[in-house]
Amino acid sequence: MYPAEIVLPMKAELTEGGFEEMLTAAEVDATLQQEGTTLVVINSVCGCAAGTCRPGVLMAVNNASKRPDRLATSFAGFDKEAVNKVREHLLPYPPSSPAIALFKDGQLVSMVERHQIEGRPAQVIAQHLISEFDKHCN
């Protein structure tokens, strides 16, 4: 488990941007079972999370004409119970952190894995997410 003093500022980057934390398995299930769309970010301490994932996600939600109904996040290596539960909902995709998933009415409709985040600029991630929001969000 990562130390809180390292993780908390990285969590704050998303929570200050409007993301709700999911800290338990029950919170994950309750969030993902709601009607509408939910964007979930599995946050991470890695450089690609800091350099492109979090900035790209925040660009997308702040600049999209259609946005998910809910924004949620859990932190890999810190919110273990919640992340394990999110990963159950992401099957058949293997565990990935960071990762970005869009759910609609409880069903996974879009997934961005770590290998699709690494080496891509935040703007490219944001544009991809905005196109997914246009397809799946009202």
N, C-alpha and C. Protein backbone atom coordinates (compact mmCIF):
# COMPACT_ATOMS: atom_id res chain seq x y z
N MET A 1 0.85 -1.17 0.00
CA MET A 1 0.00 0.00 0.00
C MET A 1 0.90 1.24 0.00
N TYR A 2 0.51 2.19 -0.82
CA TYR A 2 1.29 3.43 -0.91
C TYR A 2 1.00 4.31 0.30
N PRO A 3 1.98 5.11 0.74
CA PRO A 3 1.75 6.02 1.86
C PRO A 3 0.77 7.13 1.48
N ALA A 4 -0.05 7.51 2.44
CA ALA A 4 -1.08 8.53 2.21
C ALA A 4 -0.48 9.85 1.75
N GLU A 5 0.68 10.22 2.27
CA GLU A 5 1.26 11.51 1.90
C GLU A 5 1.64 11.58 0.42
N ILE A 6 1.85 10.43 -0.20
CA ILE A 6 2.11 10.39 -1.64
C ILE A 6 0.80 10.39 -2.42
N VAL A 7 -0.16 9.60 -1.96
CA VAL A 7 -1.40 9.36 -2.70
C VAL A 7 -2.39 10.53 -2.62
N LEU A 8 -2.54 11.13 -1.46
CA LEU A 8 -3.60 12.13 -1.27
C LEU A 8 -3.54 13.30 -2.25
N PRO A 9 -2.36 13.86 -2.57
CA PRO A 9 -2.36 14.94 -3.57
C PRO A 9 -2.79 14.45 -4.96
N MET A 10 -2.47 13.21 -5.29
CA MET A 10 -2.87 12.65 -6.58
C MET A 10 -4.36 12.38 -6.63
N LYS A 11 -4.93 11.98 -5.50
CA LYS A 11 -6.38 11.81 -5.41
C LYS A 11 -7.07 13.15 -5.56
N ALA A 12 -6.50 14.17 -4.91
CA ALA A 12 -7.11 15.50 -4.90
C ALA A 12 -7.20 16.09 -6.30
N GLU A 13 -6.27 15.73 -7.16
CA GLU A 13 -6.30 16.26 -8.53
C GLU A 13 -7.64 15.92 -9.21
N LEU A 14 -8.16 14.71 -8.96
CA LEU A 14 -9.44 14.33 -9.54
C LEU A 14 -10.62 14.77 -8.67
N THR A 15 -10.52 14.61 -7.36
CA THR A 15 -11.67 14.96 -6.51
C THR A 15 -11.95 16.46 -6.56
N GLU A 16 -10.90 17.27 -6.68
CA GLU A 16 -11.11 18.71 -6.82
C GLU A 16 -11.70 19.05 -8.18
N GLY A 17 -11.60 18.11 -9.13
CA GLY A 17 -12.18 18.28 -10.45
C GLY A 17 -13.58 17.69 -10.56
N GLY A 18 -14.17 17.30 -9.42
CA GLY A 18 -15.55 16.84 -9.42
C GLY A 18 -15.75 15.34 -9.33
N PHE A 19 -14.69 14.57 -9.20
CA PHE A 19 -14.81 13.12 -9.07
C PHE A 19 -15.11 12.72 -7.63
N GLU A 20 -16.03 11.78 -7.49
CA GLU A 20 -16.37 11.21 -6.18
C GLU A 20 -15.52 9.97 -5.96
N GLU A 21 -14.98 9.83 -4.76
CA GLU A 21 -14.20 8.65 -4.45
C GLU A 21 -15.10 7.46 -4.15
N MET A 22 -14.70 6.30 -4.64
CA MET A 22 -15.32 5.03 -4.27
C MET A 22 -14.26 4.30 -3.45
N LEU A 23 -14.55 4.11 -2.17
CA LEU A 23 -13.55 3.54 -1.26
C LEU A 23 -13.84 2.10 -0.86
N THR A 24 -15.07 1.64 -1.07
CA THR A 24 -15.45 0.29 -0.69
C THR A 24 -16.12 -0.42 -1.87
N ALA A 25 -16.20 -1.73 -1.77
CA ALA A 25 -16.88 -2.52 -2.80
C ALA A 25 -18.35 -2.12 -2.90
N ALA A 26 -18.97 -1.87 -1.77
CA ALA A 26 -20.38 -1.48 -1.77
C ALA A 26 -20.58 -0.14 -2.49
N GLU A 27 -19.67 0.81 -2.28
CA GLU A 27 -19.76 2.09 -2.98
C GLU A 27 -19.60 1.91 -4.49
N VAL A 28 -18.72 1.02 -4.90
CA VAL A 28 -18.53 0.75 -6.33
C VAL A 28 -19.82 0.20 -6.92
N ASP A 29 -20.37 -0.84 -6.28
CA ASP A 29 -21.61 -1.43 -6.80
C ASP A 29 -22.74 -0.43 -6.85
N ALA A 30 -22.89 0.36 -5.80
CA ALA A 30 -23.97 1.35 -5.76
C ALA A 30 -23.80 2.39 -6.86
N THR A 31 -22.58 2.82 -7.10
CA THR A 31 -22.32 3.83 -8.12
C THR A 31 -22.56 3.28 -9.52
N LEU A 32 -22.05 2.09 -9.79
CA LEU A 32 -22.12 1.55 -11.14
C LEU A 32 -23.49 1.00 -11.50
N GLN A 33 -24.34 0.75 -10.52
CA GLN A 33 -25.66 0.22 -10.80
C GLN A 33 -26.68 1.32 -11.09
N GLN A 34 -26.28 2.56 -10.99
CA GLN A 34 -27.21 3.66 -11.23
C GLN A 34 -27.50 3.81 -12.73
N GLU A 35 -28.69 4.31 -13.03
CA GLU A 35 -29.03 4.62 -14.41
C GLU A 35 -28.17 5.77 -14.90
N GLY A 36 -27.96 5.80 -16.20
CA GLY A 36 -27.18 6.87 -16.79
C GLY A 36 -25.74 6.46 -16.98
N THR A 37 -24.88 7.45 -17.15
CA THR A 37 -23.47 7.19 -17.46
C THR A 37 -22.57 7.56 -16.29
N THR A 38 -21.54 6.74 -16.11
CA THR A 38 -20.56 6.94 -15.05
C THR A 38 -19.17 6.76 -15.63
N LEU A 39 -18.34 7.77 -15.48
CA LEU A 39 -16.94 7.68 -15.87
C LEU A 39 -16.14 7.29 -14.63
N VAL A 40 -15.37 6.22 -14.75
CA VAL A 40 -14.56 5.73 -13.63
C VAL A 40 -13.09 5.81 -14.02
N VAL A 41 -12.30 6.42 -13.16
CA VAL A 41 -10.85 6.47 -13.35
C VAL A 41 -10.20 5.67 -12.24
N ILE A 42 -9.45 4.64 -12.63
CA ILE A 42 -8.57 3.97 -11.67
C ILE A 42 -7.28 4.76 -11.68
N ASN A 43 -7.09 5.51 -10.63
CA ASN A 43 -5.96 6.42 -10.50
C ASN A 43 -4.72 5.64 -10.08
N SER A 44 -3.55 6.23 -10.27
CA SER A 44 -2.31 5.52 -10.01
C SER A 44 -1.19 6.52 -9.70
N VAL A 45 -0.11 5.99 -9.10
CA VAL A 45 1.06 6.83 -8.80
C VAL A 45 2.02 6.93 -9.98
N CYS A 46 1.79 6.18 -11.04
CA CYS A 46 2.76 6.13 -12.13
C CYS A 46 2.81 7.46 -12.89
N GLY A 47 3.89 7.62 -13.63
CA GLY A 47 4.09 8.86 -14.38
C GLY A 47 3.04 9.10 -15.44
N CYS A 48 2.54 8.03 -16.08
CA CYS A 48 1.54 8.25 -17.13
C CYS A 48 0.21 8.70 -16.52
N ALA A 49 -0.05 8.34 -15.28
CA ALA A 49 -1.27 8.85 -14.62
C ALA A 49 -1.14 10.35 -14.40
N ALA A 50 0.03 10.77 -13.94
CA ALA A 50 0.24 12.19 -13.66
C ALA A 50 0.38 13.00 -14.93
N GLY A 51 1.09 12.46 -15.91
CA GLY A 51 1.42 13.23 -17.10
C GLY A 51 0.33 13.29 -18.14
N THR A 52 -0.47 12.22 -18.26
CA THR A 52 -1.46 12.20 -19.34
C THR A 52 -2.85 11.76 -18.91
N CYS A 53 -2.96 10.79 -18.01
CA CYS A 53 -4.29 10.28 -17.66
C CYS A 53 -5.14 11.32 -16.94
N ARG A 54 -4.67 11.76 -15.77
CA ARG A 54 -5.47 12.74 -15.02
C ARG A 54 -5.68 14.03 -15.81
N PRO A 55 -4.64 14.61 -16.42
CA PRO A 55 -4.88 15.82 -17.20
C PRO A 55 -5.84 15.58 -18.38
N GLY A 56 -5.72 14.45 -19.05
CA GLY A 56 -6.59 14.15 -20.19
C GLY A 56 -8.04 13.99 -19.77
N VAL A 57 -8.25 13.30 -18.67
CA VAL A 57 -9.61 13.10 -18.16
C VAL A 57 -10.22 14.44 -17.77
N LEU A 58 -9.46 15.26 -17.07
CA LEU A 58 -9.98 16.56 -16.65
C LEU A 58 -10.26 17.47 -17.84
N MET A 59 -9.40 17.43 -18.86
CA MET A 59 -9.66 18.20 -20.09
C MET A 59 -10.97 17.75 -20.71
N ALA A 60 -11.17 16.45 -20.77
CA ALA A 60 -12.38 15.90 -21.41
C ALA A 60 -13.63 16.35 -20.67
N VAL A 61 -13.67 16.16 -19.37
CA VAL A 61 -14.91 16.48 -18.64
C VAL A 61 -15.16 17.98 -18.58
N ASN A 62 -14.11 18.78 -18.69
CA ASN A 62 -14.29 20.24 -18.64
C ASN A 62 -14.58 20.86 -20.00
N ASN A 63 -14.40 20.10 -21.07
CA ASN A 63 -14.56 20.67 -22.41
C ASN A 63 -15.57 19.94 -23.28
N ALA A 64 -16.19 18.91 -22.77
CA ALA A 64 -17.14 18.13 -23.56
C ALA A 64 -18.51 18.79 -23.55
N SER A 65 -19.20 18.71 -24.68
CA SER A 65 -20.58 19.22 -24.72
C SER A 65 -21.54 18.22 -24.07
N LYS A 66 -21.19 16.94 -24.13
CA LYS A 66 -21.94 15.89 -23.42
C LYS A 66 -21.00 15.30 -22.38
N ARG A 67 -21.51 15.22 -21.16
CA ARG A 67 -20.68 14.72 -20.05
C ARG A 67 -21.37 13.54 -19.38
N PRO A 68 -20.58 12.65 -18.76
CA PRO A 68 -21.19 11.58 -17.98
C PRO A 68 -22.00 12.16 -16.82
N ASP A 69 -23.02 11.40 -16.41
CA ASP A 69 -23.84 11.82 -15.27
C ASP A 69 -23.05 11.83 -13.97
N ARG A 70 -22.11 10.90 -13.84
CA ARG A 70 -21.32 10.77 -12.62
C ARG A 70 -19.85 10.60 -12.97
N LEU A 71 -18.99 11.14 -12.11
CA LEU A 71 -17.55 10.99 -12.22
C LEU A 71 -17.08 10.30 -10.94
N ALA A 72 -16.38 9.18 -11.08
CA ALA A 72 -15.97 8.41 -9.91
C ALA A 72 -14.53 7.95 -10.06
N THR A 73 -13.88 7.71 -8.94
CA THR A 73 -12.48 7.29 -8.96
C THR A 73 -12.15 6.43 -7.76
N SER A 74 -11.19 5.55 -7.97
CA SER A 74 -10.56 4.76 -6.90
C SER A 74 -9.08 4.70 -7.23
N PHE A 75 -8.25 4.53 -6.20
CA PHE A 75 -6.81 4.62 -6.37
C PHE A 75 -6.16 3.24 -6.21
N ALA A 76 -5.50 2.78 -7.28
CA ALA A 76 -4.81 1.48 -7.26
C ALA A 76 -3.69 1.49 -6.23
N GLY A 77 -3.58 0.40 -5.48
CA GLY A 77 -2.54 0.30 -4.46
C GLY A 77 -2.86 1.06 -3.19
N PHE A 78 -4.06 1.61 -3.11
CA PHE A 78 -4.45 2.37 -1.91
C PHE A 78 -5.89 2.04 -1.52
N ASP A 79 -6.83 2.18 -2.44
CA ASP A 79 -8.24 1.84 -2.21
C ASP A 79 -8.47 0.41 -2.72
N LYS A 80 -7.78 -0.54 -2.11
CA LYS A 80 -7.71 -1.89 -2.67
C LYS A 80 -9.06 -2.56 -2.82
N GLU A 81 -9.91 -2.48 -1.81
CA GLU A 81 -11.23 -3.13 -1.89
C GLU A 81 -12.03 -2.57 -3.06
N ALA A 82 -12.05 -1.27 -3.19
CA ALA A 82 -12.82 -0.63 -4.26
C ALA A 82 -12.23 -0.96 -5.63
N VAL A 83 -10.93 -0.89 -5.77
CA VAL A 83 -10.30 -1.17 -7.06
C VAL A 83 -10.55 -2.62 -7.47
N ASN A 84 -10.45 -3.54 -6.53
CA ASN A 84 -10.74 -4.94 -6.86
C ASN A 84 -12.17 -5.10 -7.36
N LYS A 85 -13.11 -4.40 -6.76
CA LYS A 85 -14.51 -4.48 -7.19
C LYS A 85 -14.70 -3.83 -8.56
N VAL A 86 -14.08 -2.68 -8.79
CA VAL A 86 -14.16 -2.05 -10.11
C VAL A 86 -13.64 -3.03 -11.16
N ARG A 87 -12.52 -3.67 -10.87
CA ARG A 87 -11.92 -4.60 -11.84
C ARG A 87 -12.84 -5.77 -12.16
N GLU A 88 -13.66 -6.19 -11.22
CA GLU A 88 -14.67 -7.22 -11.52
C GLU A 88 -15.64 -6.71 -12.59
N HIS A 89 -16.00 -5.45 -12.49
CA HIS A 89 -16.93 -4.85 -13.46
C HIS A 89 -16.26 -4.62 -14.82
N LEU A 90 -14.94 -4.63 -14.85
CA LEU A 90 -14.20 -4.38 -16.09
C LEU A 90 -13.87 -5.65 -16.87
N LEU A 91 -14.19 -6.80 -16.32
CA LEU A 91 -13.89 -8.04 -17.04
C LEU A 91 -14.59 -8.04 -18.38
N PRO A 92 -13.98 -8.53 -19.44
CA PRO A 92 -12.80 -9.40 -19.50
C PRO A 92 -11.47 -8.65 -19.60
N TYR A 93 -11.45 -7.35 -19.43
CA TYR A 93 -10.19 -6.61 -19.48
C TYR A 93 -9.33 -6.99 -18.28
N PRO A 94 -8.02 -7.15 -18.49
CA PRO A 94 -7.12 -7.46 -17.38
C PRO A 94 -6.93 -6.22 -16.49
N PRO A 95 -6.46 -6.42 -15.26
CA PRO A 95 -6.19 -5.27 -14.38
C PRO A 95 -5.24 -4.28 -15.05
N SER A 96 -5.57 -3.02 -14.91
CA SER A 96 -4.79 -1.95 -15.53
C SER A 96 -4.90 -0.72 -14.66
N SER A 97 -3.74 -0.10 -14.41
CA SER A 97 -3.77 1.18 -13.71
C SER A 97 -2.64 2.04 -14.24
N PRO A 98 -2.96 3.23 -14.65
CA PRO A 98 -4.30 3.81 -14.61
C PRO A 98 -5.20 3.16 -15.67
N ALA A 99 -6.48 3.44 -15.54
CA ALA A 99 -7.47 2.99 -16.52
C ALA A 99 -8.65 3.94 -16.45
N ILE A 100 -9.36 4.03 -17.57
CA ILE A 100 -10.53 4.91 -17.66
C ILE A 100 -11.66 4.09 -18.26
N ALA A 101 -12.80 4.04 -17.58
CA ALA A 101 -13.92 3.24 -18.06
C ALA A 101 -15.19 4.08 -18.04
N LEU A 102 -16.01 3.87 -19.07
CA LEU A 102 -17.31 4.54 -19.14
C LEU A 102 -18.39 3.46 -19.07
N PHE A 103 -19.28 3.63 -18.12
CA PHE A 103 -20.41 2.72 -17.93
C PHE A 103 -21.70 3.44 -18.30
N LYS A 104 -22.61 2.70 -18.90
CA LYS A 104 -23.95 3.24 -19.18
C LYS A 104 -24.96 2.23 -18.66
N ASP A 105 -25.82 2.71 -17.77
CA ASP A 105 -26.84 1.85 -17.14
C ASP A 105 -26.21 0.57 -16.59
N GLY A 106 -25.04 0.71 -15.96
CA GLY A 106 -24.38 -0.41 -15.31
C GLY A 106 -23.54 -1.29 -16.22
N GLN A 107 -23.53 -1.00 -17.52
CA GLN A 107 -22.77 -1.81 -18.47
C GLN A 107 -21.54 -1.05 -18.96
N LEU A 108 -20.42 -1.75 -19.05
CA LEU A 108 -19.20 -1.14 -19.58
C LEU A 108 -19.38 -0.89 -21.07
N VAL A 109 -19.21 0.35 -21.51
CA VAL A 109 -19.36 0.69 -22.93
C VAL A 109 -18.06 1.20 -23.55
N SER A 110 -17.08 1.58 -22.73
CA SER A 110 -15.81 2.07 -23.26
C SER A 110 -14.72 1.85 -22.22
N MET A 111 -13.54 1.43 -22.70
CA MET A 111 -12.43 1.14 -21.79
C MET A 111 -11.14 1.67 -22.39
N VAL A 112 -10.36 2.37 -21.57
CA VAL A 112 -9.03 2.84 -21.96
C VAL A 112 -8.05 2.22 -20.96
N GLU A 113 -7.19 1.34 -21.47
CA GLU A 113 -6.23 0.66 -20.62
C GLU A 113 -4.91 1.43 -20.57
N ARG A 114 -4.06 1.04 -19.64
CA ARG A 114 -2.77 1.71 -19.46
C ARG A 114 -1.99 1.80 -20.76
N HIS A 115 -1.95 0.71 -21.53
CA HIS A 115 -1.16 0.73 -22.77
C HIS A 115 -1.71 1.73 -23.78
N GLN A 116 -2.97 2.17 -23.61
CA GLN A 116 -3.55 3.19 -24.48
C GLN A 116 -3.34 4.60 -23.92
N ILE A 117 -2.82 4.66 -22.70
CA ILE A 117 -2.55 5.94 -22.04
C ILE A 117 -1.07 6.29 -22.16
N GLU A 118 -0.19 5.33 -21.91
CA GLU A 118 1.25 5.55 -21.95
C GLU A 118 1.68 6.08 -23.31
N GLY A 119 2.46 7.13 -23.30
CA GLY A 119 3.02 7.66 -24.52
C GLY A 119 2.08 8.51 -25.37
N ARG A 120 0.85 8.68 -24.90
CA ARG A 120 -0.09 9.52 -25.65
C ARG A 120 -0.26 10.85 -24.90
N PRO A 121 -0.32 11.94 -25.62
CA PRO A 121 -0.53 13.24 -24.95
C PRO A 121 -1.92 13.32 -24.32
N ALA A 122 -2.02 14.13 -23.29
CA ALA A 122 -3.30 14.32 -22.59
C ALA A 122 -4.39 14.76 -23.56
N GLN A 123 -4.04 15.57 -24.54
CA GLN A 123 -5.03 16.06 -25.50
C GLN A 123 -5.63 14.92 -26.33
N VAL A 124 -4.82 13.93 -26.67
CA VAL A 124 -5.32 12.77 -27.44
C VAL A 124 -6.27 11.95 -26.58
N ILE A 125 -5.93 11.76 -25.32
CA ILE A 125 -6.82 11.04 -24.40
C ILE A 125 -8.12 11.81 -24.24
N ALA A 126 -8.03 13.12 -24.07
CA ALA A 126 -9.23 13.94 -23.92
C ALA A 126 -10.12 13.84 -25.16
N GLN A 127 -9.54 13.94 -26.35
CA GLN A 127 -10.33 13.85 -27.58
C GLN A 127 -11.02 12.50 -27.70
N HIS A 128 -10.31 11.43 -27.35
CA HIS A 128 -10.92 10.10 -27.39
C HIS A 128 -12.10 10.03 -26.43
N LEU A 129 -11.91 10.52 -25.21
CA LEU A 129 -13.00 10.48 -24.23
C LEU A 129 -14.18 11.33 -24.68
N ILE A 130 -13.93 12.49 -25.22
CA ILE A 130 -15.02 13.35 -25.69
C ILE A 130 -15.82 12.63 -26.77
N SER A 131 -15.15 11.90 -27.66
CA SER A 131 -15.89 11.17 -28.70
C SER A 131 -16.72 10.05 -28.08
N GLU A 132 -16.21 9.42 -27.02
CA GLU A 132 -16.99 8.39 -26.32
C GLU A 132 -18.18 9.02 -25.59
N PHE A 133 -17.98 10.19 -24.99
CA PHE A 133 -19.09 10.89 -24.34
C PHE A 133 -20.17 11.22 -25.37
N ASP A 134 -19.75 11.69 -26.55
CA ASP A 134 -20.71 12.02 -27.61
C ASP A 134 -21.54 10.81 -28.00
N LYS A 135 -20.93 9.63 -28.01
CA LYS A 135 -21.66 8.40 -28.38
C LYS A 135 -22.61 7.92 -27.29
N HIS A 136 -22.19 8.04 -26.02
CA HIS A 136 -22.90 7.34 -24.95
C HIS A 136 -23.61 8.23 -23.93
N CYS A 137 -23.30 9.51 -23.89
CA CYS A 137 -23.88 10.39 -22.87
C CYS A 137 -24.98 11.26 -23.50
N ASN A 138 -25.93 11.67 -22.67
CA ASN A 138 -27.01 12.53 -23.14
C ASN A 138 -26.66 14.00 -23.01
